[in-house]
Amino acid sequence: MDLLSLALVLVSASTSGSAVAQEATIWREIAAIEKLEPTSRDRATRLVALKVTSPGTDRSAVGALVRAKVATLEGRPKPIDWDLSGPWPYDREASWVAAELLPRGSTRSRAVIAALGALEDAPREAPLDGARAELAYEVWVDAAENLRFDEALAIGRNLHSRSRATWSAISLGLTTMRAGLPDEGDAVLAAQIALPSTSAADLAALWDHRGILALGAGHEAPGRFALGRAVLHGSSDAAVVLARLDLAAGRLEAARAGFRAAWIENPASDWARRGFGLTLLPPKAGTGASEATSW
């Protein structure tokens, strides 16, 4: 397609139909361009057409986004030249484009939250493709690590509601724990454990994290129970945590047995080897108390 023909197609899209349909045409065109070889003539021609037609020439939020995306595709990234501090100006598809271009921070989180849509609709949504799932997860982790928990929870709850996967359940459990919502985290992990399709390896990981979450919330008995279930499903990590609890409580025989079993199960476990060694330390000089009660 030559430049004139392509420009006519884009102009037609921008002068007919609804605004939503017009924007959809632009984003489809950009997606198609991204699949072309960077040095192809067709790619260069189509990028020029985007720049010389609406909305690429418009002084609007969508126009600013198109210009920023085209600049990035041309290898000269530029920021989105629009104030995004007010009401969010983009629909869901445009929000994905914005999320790709924005730097880390709250505005990028806003873009992903808008792109994902309403939480109540998430279970009925089609699964995200690999690139978008990776982008959303990256923004989720960034928000959680920087203690922006409202953003992290909004993204995490939506992603887990879509996927109902072990990875999303564990990640959401960790986020809720850090946000001070251990009951929600436990409920998420319990629901995932209850799914009949959950594999033995996934059950071990889920019980592992459920136990750790309970311990983090100060609930030792439920934590020990969950870790015990993890051990039953083959988790050597849970065995090490249980042995460490015994070690900290001064129950050296139980700790020694636990570390030994974990070490035999997984000879590469430095934690099991170290813990077993600690249980062999002699008593403190002049007392009957062992030195082996901490790491």
C-alpha atoms as a PDB file:
ATOM      1  CA  MET A   1       0.000   0.000   0.000  1.00  0.00           C
ATOM      2  CA  ASP A   2       1.442   3.386  -1.006  1.00  0.00           C
ATOM      3  CA  LEU A   3       1.424   6.447   1.238  1.00  0.00           C
ATOM      4  CA  LEU A   4      -1.528   8.136  -0.499  1.00  0.00           C
ATOM      5  CA  SER A   5      -3.738   5.049  -0.349  1.00  0.00           C
ATOM      6  CA  LEU A   6      -2.951   4.445   3.288  1.00  0.00           C
ATOM      7  CA  ALA A   7      -3.531   8.069   4.195  1.00  0.00           C
ATOM      8  CA  LEU A   8      -6.929   7.931   2.489  1.00  0.00           C
ATOM      9  CA  VAL A   9      -7.865   4.870   4.561  1.00  0.00           C
ATOM     10  CA  LEU A  10      -6.877   6.603   7.790  1.00  0.00           C
ATOM     11  CA  VAL A  11      -8.607   9.843   6.823  1.00  0.00           C
ATOM     12  CA  SER A  12     -11.756   7.872   6.025  1.00  0.00           C
ATOM     13  CA  ALA A  13     -11.596   6.232   9.437  1.00  0.00           C
ATOM     14  CA  SER A  14     -11.183   9.582  11.139  1.00  0.00           C
ATOM     15  CA  THR A  15     -14.107  11.242   9.346  1.00  0.00           C
ATOM     16  CA  SER A  16     -16.712   8.499   9.524  1.00  0.00           C
ATOM     17  CA  GLY A  17     -18.287   6.397  12.246  1.00  0.00           C
ATOM     18  CA  SER A  18     -18.045   6.822  15.985  1.00  0.00           C
ATOM     19  CA  ALA A  19     -14.992   8.097  17.864  1.00  0.00           C
ATOM     20  CA  VAL A  20     -14.563   4.624  19.347  1.00  0.00           C
ATOM     21  CA  ALA A  21     -14.455   3.037  15.892  1.00  0.00           C
ATOM     22  CA  GLN A  22     -12.018   5.670  14.676  1.00  0.00           C
ATOM     23  CA  GLU A  23      -9.631   5.026  17.541  1.00  0.00           C
ATOM     24  CA  ALA A  24      -9.941   1.263  17.110  1.00  0.00           C
ATOM     25  CA  THR A  25      -8.766   1.627  13.509  1.00  0.00           C
ATOM     26  CA  ILE A  26      -5.697   3.563  14.635  1.00  0.00           C
ATOM     27  CA  TRP A  27      -4.725   1.036  17.311  1.00  0.00           C
ATOM     28  CA  ARG A  28      -5.190  -1.858  14.876  1.00  0.00           C
ATOM     29  CA  GLU A  29      -2.929  -0.086  12.414  1.00  0.00           C
ATOM     30  CA  ILE A  30      -0.274   0.508  15.066  1.00  0.00           C
ATOM     31  CA  ALA A  31      -0.457  -3.148  16.146  1.00  0.00           C
ATOM     32  CA  ALA A  32       0.028  -4.220  12.523  1.00  0.00           C
ATOM     33  CA  ILE A  33       2.998  -1.872  12.101  1.00  0.00           C
ATOM     34  CA  GLU A  34       4.681  -3.317  15.195  1.00  0.00           C
ATOM     35  CA  LYS A  35       4.731  -6.738  13.531  1.00  0.00           C
ATOM     36  CA  LEU A  36       6.643  -5.475  10.483  1.00  0.00           C
ATOM     37  CA  GLU A  37      10.407  -5.603  10.128  1.00  0.00           C
ATOM     38  CA  PRO A  38      11.949  -2.396  11.549  1.00  0.00           C
ATOM     39  CA  THR A  39      13.737  -1.675   8.275  1.00  0.00           C
ATOM     40  CA  SER A  40      10.833  -2.458   5.948  1.00  0.00           C
ATOM     41  CA  ARG A  41       9.626   0.210   3.527  1.00  0.00           C
ATOM     42  CA  ASP A  42       6.006  -0.629   4.312  1.00  0.00           C
ATOM     43  CA  ARG A  43       6.588   0.133   7.995  1.00  0.00           C
ATOM     44  CA  ALA A  44       8.153   3.519   7.235  1.00  0.00           C
ATOM     45  CA  THR A  45       5.339   4.429   4.847  1.00  0.00           C
ATOM     46  CA  ARG A  46       2.633   3.522   7.307  1.00  0.00           C
ATOM     47  CA  LEU A  47       4.303   5.465  10.129  1.00  0.00           C
ATOM     48  CA  VAL A  48       4.410   8.578   7.938  1.00  0.00           C
ATOM     49  CA  ALA A  49       0.711   8.140   7.171  1.00  0.00           C
ATOM     50  CA  LEU A  50      -0.091   8.051  10.889  1.00  0.00           C
ATOM     51  CA  LYS A  51       1.816  11.284  11.424  1.00  0.00           C
ATOM     52  CA  VAL A  52       0.086  13.246   8.663  1.00  0.00           C
ATOM     53  CA  THR A  53      -3.507  12.195   9.342  1.00  0.00           C
ATOM     54  CA  SER A  54      -5.940  12.576  12.225  1.00  0.00           C
ATOM     55  CA  PRO A  55      -5.649  11.850  15.113  1.00  0.00           C
ATOM     56  CA  GLY A  56      -1.864  12.000  14.743  1.00  0.00           C
ATOM     57  CA  THR A  57      -2.172  15.686  13.906  1.00  0.00           C
ATOM     58  CA  ASP A  58      -4.832  16.496  16.499  1.00  0.00           C
ATOM     59  CA  ARG A  59      -4.241  18.573  19.623  1.00  0.00           C
ATOM     60  CA  SER A  60      -5.974  15.997  21.771  1.00  0.00           C
ATOM     61  CA  ALA A  61      -5.079  13.322  24.307  1.00  0.00           C
ATOM     62  CA  VAL A  62      -5.371  10.621  21.650  1.00  0.00           C
ATOM     63  CA  GLY A  63      -3.304  12.662  19.219  1.00  0.00           C
ATOM     64  CA  ALA A  64      -0.561  13.077  21.829  1.00  0.00           C
ATOM     65  CA  LEU A  65      -0.594   9.325  22.444  1.00  0.00           C
ATOM     66  CA  VAL A  66      -0.386   8.500  18.739  1.00  0.00           C
ATOM     67  CA  ARG A  67       2.554  10.885  18.283  1.00  0.00           C
ATOM     68  CA  ALA A  68       4.398   9.414  21.256  1.00  0.00           C
ATOM     69  CA  LYS A  69       3.809   5.866  20.006  1.00  0.00           C
ATOM     70  CA  VAL A  70       4.938   6.690  16.475  1.00  0.00           C
ATOM     71  CA  ALA A  71       8.084   8.353  17.816  1.00  0.00           C
ATOM     72  CA  THR A  72       8.840   5.220  19.832  1.00  0.00           C
ATOM     73  CA  LEU A  73       8.316   2.991  16.791  1.00  0.00           C
ATOM     74  CA  GLU A  74      10.717   5.249  14.882  1.00  0.00           C
ATOM     75  CA  GLY A  75      13.365   4.721  17.550  1.00  0.00           C
ATOM     76  CA  ARG A  76      13.178   8.192  19.099  1.00  0.00           C
ATOM     77  CA  PRO A  77      11.025   7.772  22.245  1.00  0.00           C
ATOM     78  CA  LYS A  78       9.271  10.866  23.565  1.00  0.00           C
ATOM     79  CA  PRO A  79       6.881  11.396  26.472  1.00  0.00           C
ATOM     80  CA  ILE A  80       3.133  11.669  26.009  1.00  0.00           C
ATOM     81  CA  ASP A  81       2.651  15.415  25.665  1.00  0.00           C
ATOM     82  CA  TRP A  82      -0.593  15.632  27.620  1.00  0.00           C
ATOM     83  CA  ASP A  83      -1.548  16.349  31.219  1.00  0.00           C
ATOM     84  CA  LEU A  84      -2.650  12.986  32.644  1.00  0.00           C
ATOM     85  CA  SER A  85      -3.120  14.180  36.222  1.00  0.00           C
ATOM     86  CA  GLY A  86      -6.839  14.837  35.780  1.00  0.00           C
ATOM     87  CA  PRO A  87      -9.639  12.502  34.654  1.00  0.00           C
ATOM     88  CA  TRP A  88      -8.238   9.589  32.665  1.00  0.00           C
ATOM     89  CA  PRO A  89      -8.671  10.439  28.965  1.00  0.00           C
ATOM     90  CA  TYR A  90      -8.187   7.053  27.277  1.00  0.00           C
ATOM     91  CA  ASP A  91     -10.365   4.037  26.576  1.00  0.00           C
ATOM     92  CA  ARG A  92      -9.119   0.557  27.407  1.00  0.00           C
ATOM     93  CA  GLU A  93      -7.191  -0.086  24.192  1.00  0.00           C
ATOM     94  CA  ALA A  94      -5.517   3.318  24.276  1.00  0.00           C
ATOM     95  CA  SER A  95      -4.687   2.752  27.947  1.00  0.00           C
ATOM     96  CA  TRP A  96      -2.616  -0.307  27.012  1.00  0.00           C
ATOM     97  CA  VAL A  97      -0.649   1.844  24.581  1.00  0.00           C
ATOM     98  CA  ALA A  98      -0.181   4.505  27.263  1.00  0.00           C
ATOM     99  CA  ALA A  99       1.005   1.884  29.785  1.00  0.00           C
ATOM    100  CA  GLU A 100       3.689   0.741  27.328  1.00  0.00           C
ATOM    101  CA  LEU A 101       5.015   4.287  26.975  1.00  0.00           C
ATOM    102  CA  LEU A 102       4.743   5.718  30.481  1.00  0.00           C
ATOM    103  CA  PRO A 103       7.606   5.508  32.994  1.00  0.00           C
ATOM    104  CA  ARG A 104       7.200   3.616  36.255  1.00  0.00           C
ATOM    105  CA  GLY A 105       4.920   5.280  38.758  1.00  0.00           C
ATOM    106  CA  SER A 106       1.308   5.975  39.658  1.00  0.00           C
ATOM    107  CA  THR A 107       0.305   7.259  36.224  1.00  0.00           C
ATOM    108  CA  ARG A 108       1.419   4.006  34.642  1.00  0.00           C
ATOM    109  CA  SER A 109      -0.621   2.129  37.241  1.00  0.00           C
ATOM    110  CA  ARG A 110      -3.649   4.233  36.319  1.00  0.00           C
ATOM    111  CA  ALA A 111      -3.146   3.248  32.696  1.00  0.00           C
ATOM    112  CA  VAL A 112      -3.059  -0.477  33.487  1.00  0.00           C
ATOM    113  CA  ILE A 113      -6.059  -0.250  35.835  1.00  0.00           C
ATOM    114  CA  ALA A 114      -8.049   1.519  33.097  1.00  0.00           C
ATOM    115  CA  ALA A 115      -6.892  -1.020  30.508  1.00  0.00           C
ATOM    116  CA  LEU A 116      -7.951  -3.995  32.630  1.00  0.00           C
ATOM    117  CA  GLY A 117     -11.483  -2.680  33.103  1.00  0.00           C
ATOM    118  CA  ALA A 118     -13.927  -3.276  35.939  1.00  0.00           C
ATOM    119  CA  LEU A 119     -13.107  -5.994  38.471  1.00  0.00           C
ATOM    120  CA  GLU A 120     -16.622  -7.450  38.290  1.00  0.00           C
ATOM    121  CA  ASP A 121     -16.183  -8.037  34.544  1.00  0.00           C
ATOM    122  CA  ALA A 122     -12.758  -9.661  34.848  1.00  0.00           C
ATOM    123  CA  PRO A 123     -13.921 -13.312  35.187  1.00  0.00           C
ATOM    124  CA  ARG A 124     -15.724 -13.009  31.834  1.00  0.00           C
ATOM    125  CA  GLU A 125     -12.812 -11.342  30.031  1.00  0.00           C
ATOM    126  CA  ALA A 126     -10.594 -13.221  27.595  1.00  0.00           C
ATOM    127  CA  PRO A 127      -7.138 -14.054  28.985  1.00  0.00           C
ATOM    128  CA  LEU A 128      -4.514 -11.395  28.354  1.00  0.00           C
ATOM    129  CA  ASP A 129      -1.896 -12.141  25.723  1.00  0.00           C
ATOM    130  CA  GLY A 130       1.636 -12.738  26.964  1.00  0.00           C
ATOM    131  CA  ALA A 131       2.949  -9.196  26.424  1.00  0.00           C
ATOM    132  CA  ARG A 132       0.030  -7.504  28.159  1.00  0.00           C
ATOM    133  CA  ALA A 133      -0.002  -9.980  31.043  1.00  0.00           C
ATOM    134  CA  GLU A 134       3.724  -9.382  31.529  1.00  0.00           C
ATOM    135  CA  LEU A 135       3.243  -5.608  31.420  1.00  0.00           C
ATOM    136  CA  ALA A 136       0.391  -5.682  33.938  1.00  0.00           C
ATOM    137  CA  TYR A 137       2.363  -7.946  36.269  1.00  0.00           C
ATOM    138  CA  GLU A 138       5.427  -5.680  36.028  1.00  0.00           C
ATOM    139  CA  VAL A 139       3.329  -2.641  36.991  1.00  0.00           C
ATOM    140  CA  TRP A 140       1.670  -4.628  39.813  1.00  0.00           C
ATOM    141  CA  VAL A 141       5.032  -5.591  41.300  1.00  0.00           C
ATOM    142  CA  ASP A 142       6.386  -2.060  40.952  1.00  0.00           C
ATOM    143  CA  ALA A 143       3.377  -0.626  42.796  1.00  0.00           C
ATOM    144  CA  ALA A 144       3.648  -3.205  45.594  1.00  0.00           C
ATOM    145  CA  GLU A 145       7.393  -2.739  46.020  1.00  0.00           C
ATOM    146  CA  ASN A 146       6.907   1.013  46.307  1.00  0.00           C
ATOM    147  CA  LEU A 147       4.091   0.583  48.850  1.00  0.00           C
ATOM    148  CA  ARG A 148       1.383   1.924  46.539  1.00  0.00           C
ATOM    149  CA  PHE A 149      -0.974  -0.779  47.746  1.00  0.00           C
ATOM    150  CA  ASP A 150      -4.237   0.671  46.397  1.00  0.00           C
ATOM    151  CA  GLU A 151      -2.766   0.447  42.890  1.00  0.00           C
ATOM    152  CA  ALA A 152      -1.163  -2.943  43.466  1.00  0.00           C
ATOM    153  CA  LEU A 153      -4.364  -4.461  44.856  1.00  0.00           C
ATOM    154  CA  ALA A 154      -6.500  -3.077  42.026  1.00  0.00           C
ATOM    155  CA  ILE A 155      -4.220  -4.672  39.428  1.00  0.00           C
ATOM    156  CA  GLY A 156      -3.578  -7.887  41.354  1.00  0.00           C
ATOM    157  CA  ARG A 157      -7.235  -8.583  42.121  1.00  0.00           C
ATOM    158  CA  ASN A 158      -8.161  -8.065  38.476  1.00  0.00           C
ATOM    159  CA  LEU A 159      -5.374 -10.274  37.117  1.00  0.00           C
ATOM    160  CA  HIS A 160      -6.175 -13.077  39.557  1.00  0.00           C
ATOM    161  CA  SER A 161      -9.894 -12.823  38.838  1.00  0.00           C
ATOM    162  CA  ARG A 162      -9.065 -13.297  35.150  1.00  0.00           C
ATOM    163  CA  SER A 163      -6.604 -16.144  35.477  1.00  0.00           C
ATOM    164  CA  ARG A 164      -7.367 -18.031  38.724  1.00  0.00           C
ATOM    165  CA  ALA A 165      -3.804 -19.355  38.431  1.00  0.00           C
ATOM    166  CA  THR A 166      -1.359 -20.445  41.108  1.00  0.00           C
ATOM    167  CA  TRP A 167       1.081 -17.649  40.259  1.00  0.00           C
ATOM    168  CA  SER A 168      -1.602 -14.954  40.562  1.00  0.00           C
ATOM    169  CA  ALA A 169      -2.998 -16.400  43.804  1.00  0.00           C
ATOM    170  CA  ILE A 170       0.438 -16.474  45.432  1.00  0.00           C
ATOM    171  CA  SER A 171       1.295 -12.983  44.189  1.00  0.00           C
ATOM    172  CA  LEU A 172      -2.017 -11.576  45.413  1.00  0.00           C
ATOM    173  CA  GLY A 173      -1.540 -13.342  48.738  1.00  0.00           C
ATOM    174  CA  LEU A 174       1.841 -11.668  49.157  1.00  0.00           C
ATOM    175  CA  THR A 175       0.420  -8.268  48.191  1.00  0.00           C
ATOM    176  CA  THR A 176      -2.482  -8.509  50.627  1.00  0.00           C
ATOM    177  CA  MET A 177      -0.101  -9.578  53.405  1.00  0.00           C
ATOM    178  CA  ARG A 178       2.119  -6.553  52.793  1.00  0.00           C
ATOM    179  CA  ALA A 179      -0.965  -4.328  52.662  1.00  0.00           C
ATOM    180  CA  GLY A 180      -2.119  -5.572  56.067  1.00  0.00           C
ATOM    181  CA  LEU A 181      -4.979  -7.715  54.726  1.00  0.00           C
ATOM    182  CA  PRO A 182      -4.023 -11.251  55.829  1.00  0.00           C
ATOM    183  CA  ASP A 183      -7.611 -12.530  55.917  1.00  0.00           C
ATOM    184  CA  GLU A 184      -8.119 -11.653  52.262  1.00  0.00           C
ATOM    185  CA  GLY A 185      -4.822 -13.272  51.355  1.00  0.00           C
ATOM    186  CA  ASP A 186      -5.737 -16.459  53.203  1.00  0.00           C
ATOM    187  CA  ALA A 187      -9.110 -16.570  51.460  1.00  0.00           C
ATOM    188  CA  VAL A 188      -7.456 -16.182  48.046  1.00  0.00           C
ATOM    189  CA  LEU A 189      -5.016 -19.019  48.705  1.00  0.00           C
ATOM    190  CA  ALA A 190      -7.722 -21.252  50.223  1.00  0.00           C
ATOM    191  CA  ALA A 191      -9.945 -20.786  47.163  1.00  0.00           C
ATOM    192  CA  GLN A 192      -7.075 -21.680  44.838  1.00  0.00           C
ATOM    193  CA  ILE A 193      -6.227 -24.772  46.882  1.00  0.00           C
ATOM    194  CA  ALA A 194      -9.865 -25.899  46.617  1.00  0.00           C
ATOM    195  CA  LEU A 195      -9.820 -25.939  42.808  1.00  0.00           C
ATOM    196  CA  PRO A 196      -9.905 -29.558  41.596  1.00  0.00           C
ATOM    197  CA  SER A 197      -7.466 -28.806  38.785  1.00  0.00           C
ATOM    198  CA  THR A 198      -4.645 -27.712  41.133  1.00  0.00           C
ATOM    199  CA  SER A 199      -1.591 -29.965  40.746  1.00  0.00           C
ATOM    200  CA  ALA A 200       0.407 -31.488  43.610  1.00  0.00           C
ATOM    201  CA  ALA A 201       3.337 -29.135  42.955  1.00  0.00           C
ATOM    202  CA  ASP A 202       0.998 -26.149  42.978  1.00  0.00           C
ATOM    203  CA  LEU A 203      -0.666 -27.377  46.160  1.00  0.00           C
ATOM    204  CA  ALA A 204       2.748 -27.520  47.842  1.00  0.00           C
ATOM    205  CA  ALA A 205       3.492 -23.927  46.807  1.00  0.00           C
ATOM    206  CA  LEU A 206       0.061 -22.661  47.820  1.00  0.00           C
ATOM    207  CA  TRP A 207       0.140 -24.326  51.251  1.00  0.00           C
ATOM    208  CA  ASP A 208       3.694 -23.001  51.673  1.00  0.00           C
ATOM    209  CA  HIS A 209       2.570 -19.431  51.161  1.00  0.00           C
ATOM    210  CA  ARG A 210      -0.603 -19.888  53.188  1.00  0.00           C
ATOM    211  CA  GLY A 211       1.526 -21.019  56.120  1.00  0.00           C
ATOM    212  CA  ILE A 212       3.988 -18.158  55.749  1.00  0.00           C
ATOM    213  CA  LEU A 213       1.123 -15.655  55.528  1.00  0.00           C
ATOM    214  CA  ALA A 214      -0.421 -17.047  58.732  1.00  0.00           C
ATOM    215  CA  LEU A 215       2.904 -16.871  60.561  1.00  0.00           C
ATOM    216  CA  GLY A 216       3.388 -13.303  59.327  1.00  0.00           C
ATOM    217  CA  ALA A 217      -0.007 -12.423  60.791  1.00  0.00           C
ATOM    218  CA  GLY A 218       1.024 -13.919  64.141  1.00  0.00           C
ATOM    219  CA  HIS A 219      -1.019 -17.114  63.875  1.00  0.00           C
ATOM    220  CA  GLU A 220       1.418 -19.921  64.630  1.00  0.00           C
ATOM    221  CA  ALA A 221      -0.993 -22.839  64.906  1.00  0.00           C
ATOM    222  CA  PRO A 222      -2.704 -22.269  61.526  1.00  0.00           C
ATOM    223  CA  GLY A 223       0.718 -21.512  60.052  1.00  0.00           C
ATOM    224  CA  ARG A 224       2.143 -24.812  61.276  1.00  0.00           C
ATOM    225  CA  PHE A 225      -0.911 -26.661  59.980  1.00  0.00           C
ATOM    226  CA  ALA A 226      -0.570 -25.115  56.511  1.00  0.00           C
ATOM    227  CA  LEU A 227       3.161 -25.798  56.377  1.00  0.00           C
ATOM    228  CA  GLY A 228       2.517 -29.389  57.409  1.00  0.00           C
ATOM    229  CA  ARG A 229       0.131 -29.766  54.484  1.00  0.00           C
ATOM    230  CA  ALA A 230       2.804 -28.315  52.220  1.00  0.00           C
ATOM    231  CA  VAL A 231       5.272 -30.940  53.462  1.00  0.00           C
ATOM    232  CA  LEU A 232       2.722 -33.662  52.678  1.00  0.00           C
ATOM    233  CA  HIS A 233       2.644 -32.371  49.103  1.00  0.00           C
ATOM    234  CA  GLY A 234       6.438 -32.526  48.856  1.00  0.00           C
ATOM    235  CA  SER A 235       7.647 -29.077  49.942  1.00  0.00           C
ATOM    236  CA  SER A 236      11.144 -29.167  51.441  1.00  0.00           C
ATOM    237  CA  ASP A 237      10.945 -25.394  52.002  1.00  0.00           C
ATOM    238  CA  ALA A 238       8.020 -25.874  54.389  1.00  0.00           C
ATOM    239  CA  ALA A 239       9.987 -28.527  56.260  1.00  0.00           C
ATOM    240  CA  VAL A 240      12.827 -26.057  56.760  1.00  0.00           C
ATOM    241  CA  VAL A 241      10.448 -23.375  58.067  1.00  0.00           C
ATOM    242  CA  LEU A 242       8.876 -25.812  60.533  1.00  0.00           C
ATOM    243  CA  ALA A 243      12.304 -26.938  61.724  1.00  0.00           C
ATOM    244  CA  ARG A 244      13.340 -23.313  62.144  1.00  0.00           C
ATOM    245  CA  LEU A 245      10.288 -22.683  64.333  1.00  0.00           C
ATOM    246  CA  ASP A 246      11.326 -25.623  66.508  1.00  0.00           C
ATOM    247  CA  LEU A 247      14.876 -24.309  66.635  1.00  0.00           C
ATOM    248  CA  ALA A 248      13.747 -20.850  67.726  1.00  0.00           C
ATOM    249  CA  ALA A 249      11.607 -22.428  70.448  1.00  0.00           C
ATOM    250  CA  GLY A 250      14.537 -24.487  71.748  1.00  0.00           C
ATOM    251  CA  ARG A 251      13.087 -27.829  70.651  1.00  0.00           C
ATOM    252  CA  LEU A 252      16.450 -29.065  69.382  1.00  0.00           C
ATOM    253  CA  GLU A 253      15.608 -32.722  68.818  1.00  0.00           C
ATOM    254  CA  ALA A 254      12.562 -31.846  66.737  1.00  0.00           C
ATOM    255  CA  ALA A 255      14.523 -29.176  64.863  1.00  0.00           C
ATOM    256  CA  ARG A 256      17.397 -31.565  64.185  1.00  0.00           C
ATOM    257  CA  ALA A 257      15.043 -34.210  62.840  1.00  0.00           C
ATOM    258  CA  GLY A 258      13.258 -31.665  60.650  1.00  0.00           C
ATOM    259  CA  PHE A 259      16.425 -30.174  59.180  1.00  0.00           C
ATOM    260  CA  ARG A 260      17.898 -33.642  58.621  1.00  0.00           C
ATOM    261  CA  ALA A 261      14.819 -34.805  56.709  1.00  0.00           C
ATOM    262  CA  ALA A 262      14.756 -31.628  54.612  1.00  0.00           C
ATOM    263  CA  TRP A 263      18.460 -31.965  53.839  1.00  0.00           C
ATOM    264  CA  ILE A 264      18.055 -35.587  52.769  1.00  0.00           C
ATOM    265  CA  GLU A 265      15.089 -34.614  50.600  1.00  0.00           C
ATOM    266  CA  ASN A 266      16.984 -31.717  49.018  1.00  0.00           C
ATOM    267  CA  PRO A 267      20.779 -31.980  49.396  1.00  0.00           C
ATOM    268  CA  ALA A 268      21.184 -28.616  47.661  1.00  0.00           C
ATOM    269  CA  SER A 269      19.287 -26.796  50.440  1.00  0.00           C
ATOM    270  CA  ASP A 270      21.758 -24.492  52.167  1.00  0.00           C
ATOM    271  CA  TRP A 271      19.101 -23.569  54.740  1.00  0.00           C
ATOM    272  CA  ALA A 272      18.553 -27.202  55.725  1.00  0.00           C
ATOM    273  CA  ARG A 273      22.289 -27.857  56.020  1.00  0.00           C
ATOM    274  CA  ARG A 274      22.867 -24.691  58.011  1.00  0.00           C
ATOM    275  CA  GLY A 275      19.945 -25.406  60.313  1.00  0.00           C
ATOM    276  CA  PHE A 276      21.091 -28.957  60.957  1.00  0.00           C
ATOM    277  CA  GLY A 277      24.560 -27.661  61.828  1.00  0.00           C
ATOM    278  CA  LEU A 278      23.120 -25.166  64.291  1.00  0.00           C
ATOM    279  CA  THR A 279      21.316 -27.933  66.166  1.00  0.00           C
ATOM    280  CA  LEU A 280      24.700 -29.588  66.799  1.00  0.00           C
ATOM    281  CA  LEU A 281      26.239 -26.604  68.583  1.00  0.00           C
ATOM    282  CA  PRO A 282      27.234 -27.262  72.227  1.00  0.00           C
ATOM    283  CA  PRO A 283      25.452 -25.534  75.138  1.00  0.00           C
ATOM    284  CA  LYS A 284      26.483 -22.033  76.104  1.00  0.00           C
ATOM    285  CA  ALA A 285      29.384 -22.025  78.552  1.00  0.00           C
ATOM    286  CA  GLY A 286      28.206 -22.335  82.143  1.00  0.00           C
ATOM    287  CA  THR A 287      24.559 -22.991  81.216  1.00  0.00           C
ATOM    288  CA  GLY A 288      22.433 -25.810  79.960  1.00  0.00           C
ATOM    289  CA  ALA A 289      20.956 -23.619  77.199  1.00  0.00           C
ATOM    290  CA  SER A 290      21.919 -24.239  73.594  1.00  0.00           C
ATOM    291  CA  GLU A 291      23.362 -21.497  71.397  1.00  0.00           C
ATOM    292  CA  ALA A 292      21.386 -22.892  68.484  1.00  0.00           C
ATOM    293  CA  THR A 293      18.175 -20.920  68.896  1.00  0.00           C
ATOM    294  CA  SER A 294      18.591 -18.409  66.056  1.00  0.00           C
ATOM    295  CA  TRP A 295      20.125 -18.011  62.626  1.00  0.00           C
END
